Amino acid sequence: MSDARNVYHSLKHEFKPNLITSNILLSGWKSVEEVESFFKEMRDLKIKPDLVTYNCLIDVYCKNRQMEKTHKVG
């Protein structure tokens, strides 16, 4: 995932990622800090989250045993 992250960060000024690109990247992050940071970046880019986006967030929260955050998704 670190390679994908590096490529994304080096290219993000050359192209605007869309929802599909964002969801693919979001699904690869494993830490809560990384997923929340990228989710904020998506919102800053005016990319509207969808069901897949929210499922990625919930997946990371559950795997990191932060169930209280799952109730705040959406």
N, C-alpha and C. Protein backbone atom coordinates (compact mmCIF):
# COMPACT_ATOMS: atom_id res chain seq x y z
N MET A 1 0.82 -1.19 0.00
CA MET A 1 0.00 0.00 0.00
C MET A 1 0.86 1.25 0.00
N SER A 2 2.05 1.17 0.57
CA SER A 2 2.89 2.36 0.61
C SER A 2 3.28 2.82 -0.80
N ASP A 3 3.46 1.88 -1.73
CA ASP A 3 3.77 2.25 -3.11
C ASP A 3 2.61 3.01 -3.74
N ALA A 4 1.39 2.50 -3.53
CA ALA A 4 0.21 3.17 -4.07
C ALA A 4 0.05 4.56 -3.47
N ARG A 5 0.30 4.68 -2.19
CA ARG A 5 0.21 5.97 -1.51
C ARG A 5 1.23 6.94 -2.09
N ASN A 6 2.46 6.48 -2.30
CA ASN A 6 3.50 7.34 -2.85
C ASN A 6 3.17 7.79 -4.27
N VAL A 7 2.67 6.88 -5.08
CA VAL A 7 2.29 7.24 -6.45
C VAL A 7 1.16 8.26 -6.42
N TYR A 8 0.16 8.01 -5.59
CA TYR A 8 -0.97 8.95 -5.48
C TYR A 8 -0.48 10.34 -5.11
N HIS A 9 0.34 10.43 -4.07
CA HIS A 9 0.78 11.74 -3.59
C HIS A 9 1.69 12.43 -4.62
N SER A 10 2.43 11.67 -5.39
CA SER A 10 3.28 12.31 -6.39
C SER A 10 2.49 12.77 -7.61
N LEU A 11 1.32 12.16 -7.86
CA LEU A 11 0.53 12.50 -9.05
C LEU A 11 -0.71 13.34 -8.76
N LYS A 12 -1.07 13.52 -7.51
CA LYS A 12 -2.34 14.17 -7.20
C LYS A 12 -2.44 15.61 -7.68
N HIS A 13 -1.31 16.23 -7.96
CA HIS A 13 -1.35 17.59 -8.47
C HIS A 13 -1.49 17.63 -9.99
N GLU A 14 -1.33 16.47 -10.62
CA GLU A 14 -1.43 16.39 -12.08
C GLU A 14 -2.80 15.93 -12.55
N PHE A 15 -3.53 15.24 -11.71
CA PHE A 15 -4.88 14.81 -12.06
C PHE A 15 -5.75 14.85 -10.82
N LYS A 16 -7.04 15.04 -11.04
CA LYS A 16 -7.98 15.04 -9.92
C LYS A 16 -8.57 13.64 -9.80
N PRO A 17 -8.34 12.99 -8.68
CA PRO A 17 -8.92 11.66 -8.51
C PRO A 17 -10.44 11.73 -8.46
N ASN A 18 -11.09 10.70 -8.96
CA ASN A 18 -12.55 10.65 -8.90
C ASN A 18 -12.98 9.70 -7.78
N LEU A 19 -14.25 9.44 -7.69
CA LEU A 19 -14.77 8.59 -6.62
C LEU A 19 -14.20 7.17 -6.71
N ILE A 20 -14.12 6.63 -7.90
CA ILE A 20 -13.62 5.26 -8.06
C ILE A 20 -12.16 5.16 -7.62
N THR A 21 -11.34 6.09 -8.09
CA THR A 21 -9.93 6.11 -7.69
C THR A 21 -9.81 6.25 -6.17
N SER A 22 -10.59 7.14 -5.62
CA SER A 22 -10.55 7.38 -4.18
C SER A 22 -10.96 6.14 -3.39
N ASN A 23 -12.01 5.47 -3.82
CA ASN A 23 -12.46 4.26 -3.12
C ASN A 23 -11.42 3.15 -3.19
N ILE A 24 -10.77 3.02 -4.34
CA ILE A 24 -9.72 2.00 -4.47
C ILE A 24 -8.60 2.28 -3.47
N LEU A 25 -8.17 3.51 -3.42
CA LEU A 25 -7.11 3.88 -2.48
C LEU A 25 -7.57 3.74 -1.03
N LEU A 26 -8.78 4.19 -0.76
CA LEU A 26 -9.32 4.12 0.60
C LEU A 26 -9.41 2.68 1.09
N SER A 27 -9.72 1.76 0.20
CA SER A 27 -9.85 0.36 0.60
C SER A 27 -8.52 -0.26 1.00
N GLY A 28 -7.41 0.37 0.62
CA GLY A 28 -6.11 -0.19 0.94
C GLY A 28 -5.52 0.28 2.25
N TRP A 29 -6.02 1.38 2.78
CA TRP A 29 -5.50 1.88 4.04
C TRP A 29 -5.98 1.00 5.19
N LYS A 30 -5.09 0.80 6.17
CA LYS A 30 -5.42 -0.09 7.29
C LYS A 30 -5.51 0.62 8.64
N SER A 31 -4.87 1.77 8.75
CA SER A 31 -4.94 2.46 10.05
C SER A 31 -6.04 3.50 10.03
N VAL A 32 -6.60 3.74 11.18
CA VAL A 32 -7.67 4.73 11.33
C VAL A 32 -7.17 6.12 10.94
N GLU A 33 -5.96 6.46 11.36
CA GLU A 33 -5.42 7.78 11.05
C GLU A 33 -5.29 7.99 9.54
N GLU A 34 -4.80 6.97 8.84
CA GLU A 34 -4.64 7.08 7.39
C GLU A 34 -5.98 7.20 6.68
N VAL A 35 -6.93 6.37 7.09
CA VAL A 35 -8.22 6.37 6.41
C VAL A 35 -8.98 7.67 6.68
N GLU A 36 -8.89 8.18 7.89
CA GLU A 36 -9.57 9.45 8.20
C GLU A 36 -8.91 10.61 7.48
N SER A 37 -7.60 10.60 7.38
CA SER A 37 -6.89 11.65 6.67
C SER A 37 -7.25 11.64 5.19
N PHE A 38 -7.29 10.45 4.58
CA PHE A 38 -7.62 10.37 3.17
C PHE A 38 -9.09 10.71 2.94
N PHE A 39 -9.96 10.31 3.84
CA PHE A 39 -11.38 10.65 3.72
C PHE A 39 -11.56 12.17 3.76
N LYS A 40 -10.84 12.84 4.64
CA LYS A 40 -10.91 14.30 4.70
C LYS A 40 -10.41 14.90 3.39
N GLU A 41 -9.35 14.34 2.86
CA GLU A 41 -8.82 14.83 1.59
C GLU A 41 -9.85 14.66 0.47
N MET A 42 -10.56 13.53 0.47
CA MET A 42 -11.64 13.32 -0.51
C MET A 42 -12.68 14.42 -0.40
N ARG A 43 -13.10 14.70 0.82
CA ARG A 43 -14.13 15.72 1.05
C ARG A 43 -13.62 17.10 0.63
N ASP A 44 -12.35 17.39 0.91
CA ASP A 44 -11.76 18.67 0.51
C ASP A 44 -11.74 18.82 -1.01
N LEU A 45 -11.60 17.70 -1.72
CA LEU A 45 -11.61 17.70 -3.18
C LEU A 45 -13.02 17.66 -3.75
N LYS A 46 -14.01 17.75 -2.86
CA LYS A 46 -15.43 17.74 -3.27
C LYS A 46 -15.85 16.42 -3.91
N ILE A 47 -15.23 15.32 -3.48
CA ILE A 47 -15.62 13.99 -3.94
C ILE A 47 -16.67 13.47 -2.98
N LYS A 48 -17.86 13.25 -3.49
CA LYS A 48 -18.98 12.83 -2.65
C LYS A 48 -18.86 11.33 -2.34
N PRO A 49 -18.80 10.98 -1.06
CA PRO A 49 -18.69 9.56 -0.68
C PRO A 49 -19.94 8.78 -1.09
N ASP A 50 -19.75 7.48 -1.34
CA ASP A 50 -20.88 6.60 -1.64
C ASP A 50 -20.86 5.42 -0.67
N LEU A 51 -21.68 4.43 -0.94
CA LEU A 51 -21.79 3.27 -0.07
C LEU A 51 -20.45 2.55 0.08
N VAL A 52 -19.70 2.44 -1.00
CA VAL A 52 -18.39 1.78 -0.96
C VAL A 52 -17.44 2.55 -0.04
N THR A 53 -17.46 3.85 -0.15
CA THR A 53 -16.62 4.70 0.70
C THR A 53 -16.92 4.44 2.18
N TYR A 54 -18.19 4.46 2.52
CA TYR A 54 -18.57 4.25 3.92
C TYR A 54 -18.25 2.83 4.39
N ASN A 55 -18.39 1.86 3.50
CA ASN A 55 -18.02 0.48 3.87
C ASN A 55 -16.53 0.37 4.16
N CYS A 56 -15.70 1.08 3.39
CA CYS A 56 -14.26 1.08 3.64
C CYS A 56 -13.95 1.67 5.01
N LEU A 57 -14.61 2.78 5.35
CA LEU A 57 -14.41 3.39 6.67
C LEU A 57 -14.81 2.44 7.79
N ILE A 58 -15.98 1.85 7.65
CA ILE A 58 -16.48 0.94 8.68
C ILE A 58 -15.56 -0.27 8.83
N ASP A 59 -15.06 -0.78 7.72
CA ASP A 59 -14.15 -1.93 7.75
C ASP A 59 -12.90 -1.61 8.57
N VAL A 60 -12.30 -0.45 8.32
CA VAL A 60 -11.09 -0.07 9.04
C VAL A 60 -11.39 0.14 10.52
N TYR A 61 -12.51 0.80 10.83
CA TYR A 61 -12.88 1.00 12.23
C TYR A 61 -13.07 -0.33 12.95
N CYS A 62 -13.75 -1.26 12.32
CA CYS A 62 -13.99 -2.55 12.96
C CYS A 62 -12.69 -3.33 13.16
N LYS A 63 -11.84 -3.34 12.15
CA LYS A 63 -10.57 -4.07 12.26
C LYS A 63 -9.65 -3.46 13.30
N ASN A 64 -9.85 -2.19 13.60
CA ASN A 64 -9.04 -1.53 14.62
C ASN A 64 -9.80 -1.41 15.95
N ARG A 65 -10.90 -2.12 16.04
CA ARG A 65 -11.71 -2.19 17.27
C ARG A 65 -12.15 -0.81 17.77
N GLN A 66 -12.56 0.01 16.83
CA GLN A 66 -13.08 1.33 17.19
C GLN A 66 -14.55 1.41 16.77
N MET A 67 -15.32 0.53 17.37
CA MET A 67 -16.73 0.37 17.01
C MET A 67 -17.55 1.64 17.21
N GLU A 68 -17.18 2.47 18.19
CA GLU A 68 -17.94 3.69 18.44
C GLU A 68 -17.92 4.62 17.24
N LYS A 69 -16.83 4.56 16.45
CA LYS A 69 -16.73 5.41 15.27
C LYS A 69 -17.62 4.92 14.13
N THR A 70 -17.99 3.65 14.14
CA THR A 70 -18.83 3.13 13.06
C THR A 70 -20.20 3.77 13.10
N HIS A 71 -20.67 4.15 14.27
CA HIS A 71 -21.99 4.74 14.41
C HIS A 71 -22.05 6.19 13.91
N LYS A 72 -20.87 6.78 13.71
CA LYS A 72 -20.81 8.17 13.27
C LYS A 72 -20.56 8.30 11.77
N VAL A 73 -20.42 7.17 11.08
CA VAL A 73 -20.17 7.19 9.64
C VAL A 73 -21.45 7.59 8.91
N GLY A 74 -21.28 8.53 7.99
CA GLY A 74 -22.43 8.91 7.17
C GLY A 74 -22.94 10.22 7.47
